[in-house]
Amino acid sequence: SSAADSSAAVLYEVKIIHFADAQPIQFEERWVDAQKLPEFIE
């Protein structure tokens, strides 16, 4: 319904570059169930 909270989190997304000896070695794109881990994004 239009009354539903359209801003409610369904998933959290993070993007991270991992470096080895100052050189990027991995780029991580991750999505997490926001209902199961509400503190993840913090």
All heavy atoms as atom14 arrays in JSON, in Angstrom:
{
  "sequence": "SSAADSSAAVLYEVKIIHFADAQPIQFEERWVDAQKLPEFIE",
  "atom14_mask": [
    [1, 1, 1, 1, 1, 1, 0, 0, 0, 0, 0, 0, 0, 0],
    [1, 1, 1, 1, 1, 1, 0, 0, 0, 0, 0, 0, 0, 0],
    [1, 1, 1, 1, 1, 0, 0, 0, 0, 0, 0, 0, 0, 0],
    [1, 1, 1, 1, 1, 0, 0, 0, 0, 0, 0, 0, 0, 0],
    [1, 1, 1, 1, 1, 1, 1, 1, 0, 0, 0, 0, 0, 0],
    [1, 1, 1, 1, 1, 1, 0, 0, 0, 0, 0, 0, 0, 0],
    [1, 1, 1, 1, 1, 1, 0, 0, 0, 0, 0, 0, 0, 0],
    [1, 1, 1, 1, 1, 0, 0, 0, 0, 0, 0, 0, 0, 0],
    [1, 1, 1, 1, 1, 0, 0, 0, 0, 0, 0, 0, 0, 0],
    [1, 1, 1, 1, 1, 1, 1, 0, 0, 0, 0, 0, 0, 0],
    [1, 1, 1, 1, 1, 1, 1, 1, 0, 0, 0, 0, 0, 0],
    [1, 1, 1, 1, 1, 1, 1, 1, 1, 1, 1, 1, 0, 0],
    [1, 1, 1, 1, 1, 1, 1, 1, 1, 0, 0, 0, 0, 0],
    [1, 1, 1, 1, 1, 1, 1, 0, 0, 0, 0, 0, 0, 0],
    [1, 1, 1, 1, 1, 1, 1, 1, 1, 0, 0, 0, 0, 0],
    [1, 1, 1, 1, 1, 1, 1, 1, 0, 0, 0, 0, 0, 0],
    [1, 1, 1, 1, 1, 1, 1, 1, 0, 0, 0, 0, 0, 0],
    [1, 1, 1, 1, 1, 1, 1, 1, 1, 1, 0, 0, 0, 0],
    [1, 1, 1, 1, 1, 1, 1, 1, 1, 1, 1, 0, 0, 0],
    [1, 1, 1, 1, 1, 0, 0, 0, 0, 0, 0, 0, 0, 0],
    [1, 1, 1, 1, 1, 1, 1, 1, 0, 0, 0, 0, 0, 0],
    [1, 1, 1, 1, 1, 0, 0, 0, 0, 0, 0, 0, 0, 0],
    [1, 1, 1, 1, 1, 1, 1, 1, 1, 0, 0, 0, 0, 0],
    [1, 1, 1, 1, 1, 1, 1, 0, 0, 0, 0, 0, 0, 0],
    [1, 1, 1, 1, 1, 1, 1, 1, 0, 0, 0, 0, 0, 0],
    [1, 1, 1, 1, 1, 1, 1, 1, 1, 0, 0, 0, 0, 0],
    [1, 1, 1, 1, 1, 1, 1, 1, 1, 1, 1, 0, 0, 0],
    [1, 1, 1, 1, 1, 1, 1, 1, 1, 0, 0, 0, 0, 0],
    [1, 1, 1, 1, 1, 1, 1, 1, 1, 0, 0, 0, 0, 0],
    [1, 1, 1, 1, 1, 1, 1, 1, 1, 1, 1, 0, 0, 0],
    [1, 1, 1, 1, 1, 1, 1, 1, 1, 1, 1, 1, 1, 1],
    [1, 1, 1, 1, 1, 1, 1, 0, 0, 0, 0, 0, 0, 0],
    [1, 1, 1, 1, 1, 1, 1, 1, 0, 0, 0, 0, 0, 0],
    [1, 1, 1, 1, 1, 0, 0, 0, 0, 0, 0, 0, 0, 0],
    [1, 1, 1, 1, 1, 1, 1, 1, 1, 0, 0, 0, 0, 0],
    [1, 1, 1, 1, 1, 1, 1, 1, 1, 0, 0, 0, 0, 0],
    [1, 1, 1, 1, 1, 1, 1, 1, 0, 0, 0, 0, 0, 0],
    [1, 1, 1, 1, 1, 1, 1, 0, 0, 0, 0, 0, 0, 0],
    [1, 1, 1, 1, 1, 1, 1, 1, 1, 0, 0, 0, 0, 0],
    [1, 1, 1, 1, 1, 1, 1, 1, 1, 1, 1, 0, 0, 0],
    [1, 1, 1, 1, 1, 1, 1, 1, 0, 0, 0, 0, 0, 0],
    [1, 1, 1, 1, 1, 1, 1, 1, 1, 0, 0, 0, 0, 0]
  ],
  "atom14_positions": [
    [[0.83, -1.19, 0.0], [0.0, 0.0, 0.0], [0.87, 1.25, 0.0], [2.02, 1.23, 0.39], [-0.9, -0.01, 1.25], [-0.11, 0.15, 2.42], [0.0, 0.0, 0.0], [0.0, 0.0, 0.0], [0.0, 0.0, 0.0], [0.0, 0.0, 0.0], [0.0, 0.0, 0.0], [0.0, 0.0, 0.0], [0.0, 0.0, 0.0], [0.0, 0.0, 0.0]],
    [[0.28, 2.36, -0.44], [1.03, 3.61, -0.48], [1.37, 4.11, 0.9], [2.25, 4.95, 1.08], [0.2, 4.68, -1.21], [-1.05, 4.86, -0.56], [0.0, 0.0, 0.0], [0.0, 0.0, 0.0], [0.0, 0.0, 0.0], [0.0, 0.0, 0.0], [0.0, 0.0, 0.0], [0.0, 0.0, 0.0], [0.0, 0.0, 0.0], [0.0, 0.0, 0.0]],
    [[0.7, 3.57, 1.9], [0.96, 3.98, 3.28], [2.19, 3.3, 3.84], [2.69, 3.67, 4.89], [-0.25, 3.66, 4.15], [0.0, 0.0, 0.0], [0.0, 0.0, 0.0], [0.0, 0.0, 0.0], [0.0, 0.0, 0.0], [0.0, 0.0, 0.0], [0.0, 0.0, 0.0], [0.0, 0.0, 0.0], [0.0, 0.0, 0.0], [0.0, 0.0, 0.0]],
    [[2.69, 2.29, 3.14], [3.86, 1.58, 3.64], [5.07, 2.5, 3.66], [5.17, 3.45, 2.9], [4.14, 0.37, 2.74], [0.0, 0.0, 0.0], [0.0, 0.0, 0.0], [0.0, 0.0, 0.0], [0.0, 0.0, 0.0], [0.0, 0.0, 0.0], [0.0, 0.0, 0.0], [0.0, 0.0, 0.0], [0.0, 0.0, 0.0], [0.0, 0.0, 0.0]],
    [[6.01, 2.21, 4.55], [7.22, 3.03, 4.68], [8.15, 2.73, 3.52], [8.84, 1.72, 3.5], [7.9, 2.71, 6.03], [9.12, 3.59, 6.25], [9.4, 4.46, 5.39], [9.79, 3.41, 7.27], [0.0, 0.0, 0.0], [0.0, 0.0, 0.0], [0.0, 0.0, 0.0], [0.0, 0.0, 0.0], [0.0, 0.0, 0.0], [0.0, 0.0, 0.0]],
    [[8.18, 3.64, 2.54], [8.99, 3.42, 1.34], [10.48, 3.54, 1.61], [11.29, 3.17, 0.77], [8.58, 4.42, 0.25], [8.82, 5.74, 0.69], [0.0, 0.0, 0.0], [0.0, 0.0, 0.0], [0.0, 0.0, 0.0], [0.0, 0.0, 0.0], [0.0, 0.0, 0.0], [0.0, 0.0, 0.0], [0.0, 0.0, 0.0], [0.0, 0.0, 0.0]],
    [[10.84, 4.07, 2.8], [12.25, 4.24, 3.13], [12.8, 3.06, 3.93], [13.97, 3.08, 4.32], [12.46, 5.54, 3.91], [11.81, 5.47, 5.18], [0.0, 0.0, 0.0], [0.0, 0.0, 0.0], [0.0, 0.0, 0.0], [0.0, 0.0, 0.0], [0.0, 0.0, 0.0], [0.0, 0.0, 0.0], [0.0, 0.0, 0.0], [0.0, 0.0, 0.0]],
    [[11.96, 2.06, 4.2], [12.4, 0.93, 5.02], [13.49, 0.14, 4.31], [13.4, -0.15, 3.12], [11.21, 0.02, 5.33], [0.0, 0.0, 0.0], [0.0, 0.0, 0.0], [0.0, 0.0, 0.0], [0.0, 0.0, 0.0], [0.0, 0.0, 0.0], [0.0, 0.0, 0.0], [0.0, 0.0, 0.0], [0.0, 0.0, 0.0], [0.0, 0.0, 0.0]],
    [[14.52, -0.22, 5.05], [15.65, -0.96, 4.48], [15.26, -2.41, 4.25], [14.72, -3.07, 5.13], [16.84, -0.89, 5.42], [0.0, 0.0, 0.0], [0.0, 0.0, 0.0], [0.0, 0.0, 0.0], [0.0, 0.0, 0.0], [0.0, 0.0, 0.0], [0.0, 0.0, 0.0], [0.0, 0.0, 0.0], [0.0, 0.0, 0.0], [0.0, 0.0, 0.0]],
    [[15.53, -2.9, 3.05], [15.37, -4.31, 2.74], [16.75, -4.99, 2.76], [16.92, -6.05, 3.35], [14.7, -4.5, 1.36], [14.62, -5.99, 1.0], [13.33, -3.87, 1.34], [0.0, 0.0, 0.0], [0.0, 0.0, 0.0], [0.0, 0.0, 0.0], [0.0, 0.0, 0.0], [0.0, 0.0, 0.0], [0.0, 0.0, 0.0], [0.0, 0.0, 0.0]],
    [[17.71, -4.34, 2.1], [19.08, -4.82, 2.08], [20.03, -3.67, 2.41], [19.66, -2.5, 2.29], [19.46, -5.37, 0.7], [18.61, -6.5, 0.12], [19.1, -6.83, -1.3], [18.67, -7.74, 1.0], [0.0, 0.0, 0.0], [0.0, 0.0, 0.0], [0.0, 0.0, 0.0], [0.0, 0.0, 0.0], [0.0, 0.0, 0.0], [0.0, 0.0, 0.0]],
    [[21.24, -4.02, 2.83], [22.32, -3.05, 2.94], [23.37, -3.38, 1.88], [23.63, -4.56, 1.61], [22.97, -3.09, 4.31], [22.09, -2.63, 5.44], [22.01, -3.34, 6.63], [21.34, -1.46, 5.33], [21.21, -2.91, 7.68], [20.52, -1.03, 6.37], [20.47, -1.75, 7.54], [19.67, -1.33, 8.56], [0.0, 0.0, 0.0], [0.0, 0.0, 0.0]],
    [[23.97, -2.37, 1.3], [25.0, -2.55, 0.28], [26.28, -1.85, 0.71], [26.25, -0.7, 1.16], [24.52, -1.97, -1.04], [25.56, -2.03, -2.17], [25.14, -1.2, -3.37], [25.42, 0.04, -3.37], [24.51, -1.75, -4.27], [0.0, 0.0, 0.0], [0.0, 0.0, 0.0], [0.0, 0.0, 0.0], [0.0, 0.0, 0.0], [0.0, 0.0, 0.0]],
    [[27.4, -2.56, 0.6], [28.7, -1.94, 0.84], [29.63, -2.29, -0.31], [29.53, -3.37, -0.9], [29.35, -2.39, 2.18], [28.54, -1.93, 3.36], [29.54, -3.89, 2.21], [0.0, 0.0, 0.0], [0.0, 0.0, 0.0], [0.0, 0.0, 0.0], [0.0, 0.0, 0.0], [0.0, 0.0, 0.0], [0.0, 0.0, 0.0], [0.0, 0.0, 0.0]],
    [[30.51, -1.34, -0.65], [31.53, -1.57, -1.67], [32.87, -1.18, -1.07], [33.02, -0.06, -0.56], [31.23, -0.77, -2.94], [29.9, -1.19, -3.59], [29.67, -0.46, -4.92], [28.37, -0.93, -5.57], [28.14, -0.29, -6.89], [0.0, 0.0, 0.0], [0.0, 0.0, 0.0], [0.0, 0.0, 0.0], [0.0, 0.0, 0.0], [0.0, 0.0, 0.0]],
    [[33.84, -2.1, -1.16], [35.11, -1.93, -0.45], [36.26, -2.35, -1.35], [36.16, -3.37, -2.05], [35.13, -2.8, 0.83], [33.94, -2.46, 1.74], [36.45, -2.63, 1.59], [33.71, -3.47, 2.84], [0.0, 0.0, 0.0], [0.0, 0.0, 0.0], [0.0, 0.0, 0.0], [0.0, 0.0, 0.0], [0.0, 0.0, 0.0], [0.0, 0.0, 0.0]],
    [[37.34, -1.58, -1.33], [38.58, -1.98, -2.0], [39.54, -2.52, -0.95], [39.76, -1.87, 0.08], [39.24, -0.81, -2.74], [38.27, -0.13, -3.69], [40.48, -1.29, -3.5], [38.82, 1.14, -4.32], [0.0, 0.0, 0.0], [0.0, 0.0, 0.0], [0.0, 0.0, 0.0], [0.0, 0.0, 0.0], [0.0, 0.0, 0.0], [0.0, 0.0, 0.0]],
    [[40.1, -3.7, -1.2], [41.08, -4.3, -0.29], [42.47, -4.17, -0.91], [42.67, -4.48, -2.09], [40.74, -5.77, -0.04], [39.38, -5.97, 0.56], [39.15, -5.92, 1.92], [38.17, -6.19, -0.01], [37.87, -6.12, 2.17], [37.25, -6.28, 1.01], [0.0, 0.0, 0.0], [0.0, 0.0, 0.0], [0.0, 0.0, 0.0], [0.0, 0.0, 0.0]],
    [[43.42, -3.72, -0.11], [44.78, -3.45, -0.59], [45.79, -4.4, 0.05], [45.67, -4.74, 1.24], [45.2, -2.02, -0.23], [44.42, -0.95, -0.94], [43.17, -0.55, -0.48], [44.94, -0.33, -2.07], [42.45, 0.44, -1.11], [44.22, 0.67, -2.72], [42.98, 1.06, -2.25], [0.0, 0.0, 0.0], [0.0, 0.0, 0.0], [0.0, 0.0, 0.0]],
    [[46.77, -4.82, -0.73], [47.93, -5.56, -0.24], [49.17, -4.75, -0.57], [49.43, -4.46, -1.74], [48.01, -6.94, -0.9], [0.0, 0.0, 0.0], [0.0, 0.0, 0.0], [0.0, 0.0, 0.0], [0.0, 0.0, 0.0], [0.0, 0.0, 0.0], [0.0, 0.0, 0.0], [0.0, 0.0, 0.0], [0.0, 0.0, 0.0], [0.0, 0.0, 0.0]],
    [[49.9, -4.33, 0.47], [51.1, -3.51, 0.27], [50.79, -2.28, -0.57], [51.5, -1.94, -1.53], [52.23, -4.33, -0.37], [52.63, -5.53, 0.49], [52.53, -5.43, 1.74], [53.02, -6.56, -0.08], [0.0, 0.0, 0.0], [0.0, 0.0, 0.0], [0.0, 0.0, 0.0], [0.0, 0.0, 0.0], [0.0, 0.0, 0.0], [0.0, 0.0, 0.0]],
    [[49.66, -1.63, -0.24], [49.21, -0.37, -0.87], [48.75, -0.55, -2.32], [48.49, 0.43, -3.01], [50.31, 0.69, -0.8], [0.0, 0.0, 0.0], [0.0, 0.0, 0.0], [0.0, 0.0, 0.0], [0.0, 0.0, 0.0], [0.0, 0.0, 0.0], [0.0, 0.0, 0.0], [0.0, 0.0, 0.0], [0.0, 0.0, 0.0], [0.0, 0.0, 0.0]],
    [[48.6, -1.78, -2.78], [48.15, -2.05, -4.15], [46.77, -2.73, -4.1], [46.6, -3.72, -3.4], [49.15, -2.96, -4.86], [48.87, -3.16, -6.34], [49.95, -3.98, -7.01], [50.31, -5.06, -6.54], [50.51, -3.47, -8.11], [0.0, 0.0, 0.0], [0.0, 0.0, 0.0], [0.0, 0.0, 0.0], [0.0, 0.0, 0.0], [0.0, 0.0, 0.0]],
    [[45.76, -2.19, -4.82], [44.43, -2.81, -4.77], [44.46, -4.23, -5.33], [44.99, -4.46, -6.42], [43.57, -1.89, -5.64], [44.53, -1.15, -6.5], [45.79, -1.02, -5.71], [0.0, 0.0, 0.0], [0.0, 0.0, 0.0], [0.0, 0.0, 0.0], [0.0, 0.0, 0.0], [0.0, 0.0, 0.0], [0.0, 0.0, 0.0], [0.0, 0.0, 0.0]],
    [[43.9, -5.15, -4.57], [43.95, -6.55, -4.97], [42.56, -7.16, -5.11], [42.36, -8.12, -5.84], [44.8, -7.36, -3.95], [45.16, -8.73, -4.53], [44.1, -7.48, -2.62], [46.19, -9.48, -3.69], [0.0, 0.0, 0.0], [0.0, 0.0, 0.0], [0.0, 0.0, 0.0], [0.0, 0.0, 0.0], [0.0, 0.0, 0.0], [0.0, 0.0, 0.0]],
    [[41.57, -6.57, -4.41], [40.21, -7.09, -4.49], [39.21, -5.95, -4.33], [39.4, -5.06, -3.5], [39.96, -8.13, -3.38], [38.56, -8.75, -3.4], [38.26, -9.49, -2.11], [37.71, -8.92, -1.17], [38.63, -10.76, -2.05], [0.0, 0.0, 0.0], [0.0, 0.0, 0.0], [0.0, 0.0, 0.0], [0.0, 0.0, 0.0], [0.0, 0.0, 0.0]],
    [[38.13, -5.99, -5.13], [37.02, -5.07, -4.98], [35.79, -5.88, -4.58], [35.4, -6.81, -5.27], [36.74, -4.3, -6.27], [35.51, -3.45, -6.21], [35.36, -2.48, -5.23], [34.48, -3.61, -7.13], [34.22, -1.69, -5.16], [33.34, -2.82, -7.09], [33.22, -1.86, -6.09], [0.0, 0.0, 0.0], [0.0, 0.0, 0.0], [0.0, 0.0, 0.0]],
    [[35.22, -5.54, -3.44], [34.1, -6.29, -2.86], [32.8, -5.51, -2.99], [32.71, -4.35, -2.58], [34.39, -6.57, -1.38], [33.24, -7.17, -0.6], [33.55, -7.35, 0.88], [34.73, -7.13, 1.27], [32.64, -7.71, 1.64], [0.0, 0.0, 0.0], [0.0, 0.0, 0.0], [0.0, 0.0, 0.0], [0.0, 0.0, 0.0], [0.0, 0.0, 0.0]],
    [[31.78, -6.16, -3.56], [30.42, -5.62, -3.6], [29.55, -6.58, -2.8], [29.41, -7.75, -3.17], [29.9, -5.55, -5.04], [30.71, -4.67, -5.97], [30.16, -4.69, -7.39], [30.44, -5.67, -8.11], [29.45, -3.74, -7.75], [0.0, 0.0, 0.0], [0.0, 0.0, 0.0], [0.0, 0.0, 0.0], [0.0, 0.0, 0.0], [0.0, 0.0, 0.0]],
    [[28.96, -6.11, -1.72], [28.23, -7.02, -0.83], [26.85, -6.47, -0.48], [26.68, -5.26, -0.27], [29.02, -7.22, 0.48], [28.37, -8.23, 1.43], [29.15, -8.36, 2.72], [30.47, -8.95, 2.52], [30.71, -10.26, 2.5], [29.7, -11.11, 2.66], [31.94, -10.71, 2.35], [0.0, 0.0, 0.0], [0.0, 0.0, 0.0], [0.0, 0.0, 0.0]],
    [[25.89, -7.4, -0.42], [24.53, -7.08, 0.0], [24.15, -7.98, 1.17], [24.44, -9.18, 1.17], [23.56, -7.29, -1.16], [23.82, -6.35, -2.29], [23.27, -5.12, -2.51], [24.74, -6.56, -3.38], [23.78, -4.56, -3.65], [24.68, -5.42, -4.2], [25.6, -7.61, -3.72], [25.46, -5.29, -5.35], [26.38, -7.48, -4.87], [26.3, -6.34, -5.67]],
    [[23.5, -7.41, 2.18], [23.18, -8.12, 3.42], [21.71, -7.88, 3.77], [21.18, -6.78, 3.58], [24.08, -7.62, 4.58], [23.64, -8.21, 5.92], [25.54, -7.97, 4.3], [0.0, 0.0, 0.0], [0.0, 0.0, 0.0], [0.0, 0.0, 0.0], [0.0, 0.0, 0.0], [0.0, 0.0, 0.0], [0.0, 0.0, 0.0], [0.0, 0.0, 0.0]],
    [[21.05, -8.92, 4.27], [19.66, -8.82, 4.71], [19.56, -7.83, 5.87], [20.07, -8.08, 6.96], [19.17, -10.21, 5.15], [17.68, -10.23, 5.46], [17.16, -9.25, 6.0], [17.03, -11.26, 5.19], [0.0, 0.0, 0.0], [0.0, 0.0, 0.0], [0.0, 0.0, 0.0], [0.0, 0.0, 0.0], [0.0, 0.0, 0.0], [0.0, 0.0, 0.0]],
    [[18.92, -6.7, 5.63], [18.86, -5.63, 6.64], [17.99, -6.01, 7.84], [18.2, -5.5, 8.94], [18.32, -4.35, 6.01], [0.0, 0.0, 0.0], [0.0, 0.0, 0.0], [0.0, 0.0, 0.0], [0.0, 0.0, 0.0], [0.0, 0.0, 0.0], [0.0, 0.0, 0.0], [0.0, 0.0, 0.0], [0.0, 0.0, 0.0], [0.0, 0.0, 0.0]],
    [[17.02, -6.88, 7.64], [16.15, -7.27, 8.74], [16.88, -8.17, 9.74], [16.66, -8.08, 10.95], [14.91, -8.0, 8.2], [14.06, -7.15, 7.27], [13.58, -5.87, 7.92], [13.01, -5.91, 9.02], [13.8, -4.73, 7.27], [0.0, 0.0, 0.0], [0.0, 0.0, 0.0], [0.0, 0.0, 0.0], [0.0, 0.0, 0.0], [0.0, 0.0, 0.0]],
    [[17.78, -9.0, 9.23], [18.51, -9.92, 10.12], [19.66, -9.24, 10.83], [20.01, -9.62, 11.96], [19.03, -11.12, 9.31], [17.95, -12.05, 8.83], [18.54, -13.26, 8.12], [17.45, -14.22, 7.68], [18.01, -15.4, 6.97], [0.0, 0.0, 0.0], [0.0, 0.0, 0.0], [0.0, 0.0, 0.0], [0.0, 0.0, 0.0], [0.0, 0.0, 0.0]],
    [[20.27, -8.25, 10.18], [21.42, -7.57, 10.78], [21.25, -6.05, 10.65], [21.93, -5.4, 9.85], [22.72, -8.01, 10.1], [23.21, -9.42, 10.43], [24.43, -9.77, 9.61], [23.54, -9.54, 11.91], [0.0, 0.0, 0.0], [0.0, 0.0, 0.0], [0.0, 0.0, 0.0], [0.0, 0.0, 0.0], [0.0, 0.0, 0.0], [0.0, 0.0, 0.0]],
    [[20.35, -5.46, 11.45], [20.07, -4.03, 11.31], [21.25, -3.13, 11.63], [21.27, -1.97, 11.2], [18.91, -3.81, 12.29], [19.0, -4.95, 13.25], [19.5, -6.11, 12.46], [0.0, 0.0, 0.0], [0.0, 0.0, 0.0], [0.0, 0.0, 0.0], [0.0, 0.0, 0.0], [0.0, 0.0, 0.0], [0.0, 0.0, 0.0], [0.0, 0.0, 0.0]],
    [[22.24, -3.62, 12.39], [23.38, -2.78, 12.76], [24.54, -2.88, 11.76], [25.55, -2.18, 11.91], [23.88, -3.18, 14.15], [22.86, -2.93, 15.25], [23.34, -3.4, 16.6], [24.07, -4.4, 16.64], [23.0, -2.77, 17.61], [0.0, 0.0, 0.0], [0.0, 0.0, 0.0], [0.0, 0.0, 0.0], [0.0, 0.0, 0.0], [0.0, 0.0, 0.0]],
    [[24.4, -3.72, 10.74], [25.5, -3.94, 9.8], [25.98, -2.64, 9.17], [27.18, -2.37, 9.09], [25.04, -4.92, 8.71], [26.06, -5.18, 7.64], [27.05, -6.15, 7.82], [26.06, -4.46, 6.45], [28.0, -6.39, 6.84], [27.01, -4.7, 5.46], [27.97, -5.66, 5.67], [0.0, 0.0, 0.0], [0.0, 0.0, 0.0], [0.0, 0.0, 0.0]],
    [[25.05, -1.81, 8.72], [25.4, -0.61, 7.96], [26.14, 0.41, 8.81], [26.8, 1.32, 8.27], [24.13, 0.01, 7.35], [24.47, 0.94, 6.16], [23.31, 0.74, 8.41], [24.99, 0.21, 4.96], [0.0, 0.0, 0.0], [0.0, 0.0, 0.0], [0.0, 0.0, 0.0], [0.0, 0.0, 0.0], [0.0, 0.0, 0.0], [0.0, 0.0, 0.0]],
    [[26.06, 0.3, 10.13], [26.69, 1.28, 11.02], [28.16, 0.97, 11.28], [28.86, 1.78, 11.89], [25.93, 1.32, 12.35], [24.47, 1.73, 12.21], [23.71, 1.58, 13.51], [24.36, 1.38, 14.56], [22.48, 1.66, 13.49], [0.0, 0.0, 0.0], [0.0, 0.0, 0.0], [0.0, 0.0, 0.0], [0.0, 0.0, 0.0], [0.0, 0.0, 0.0]]
  ]
}
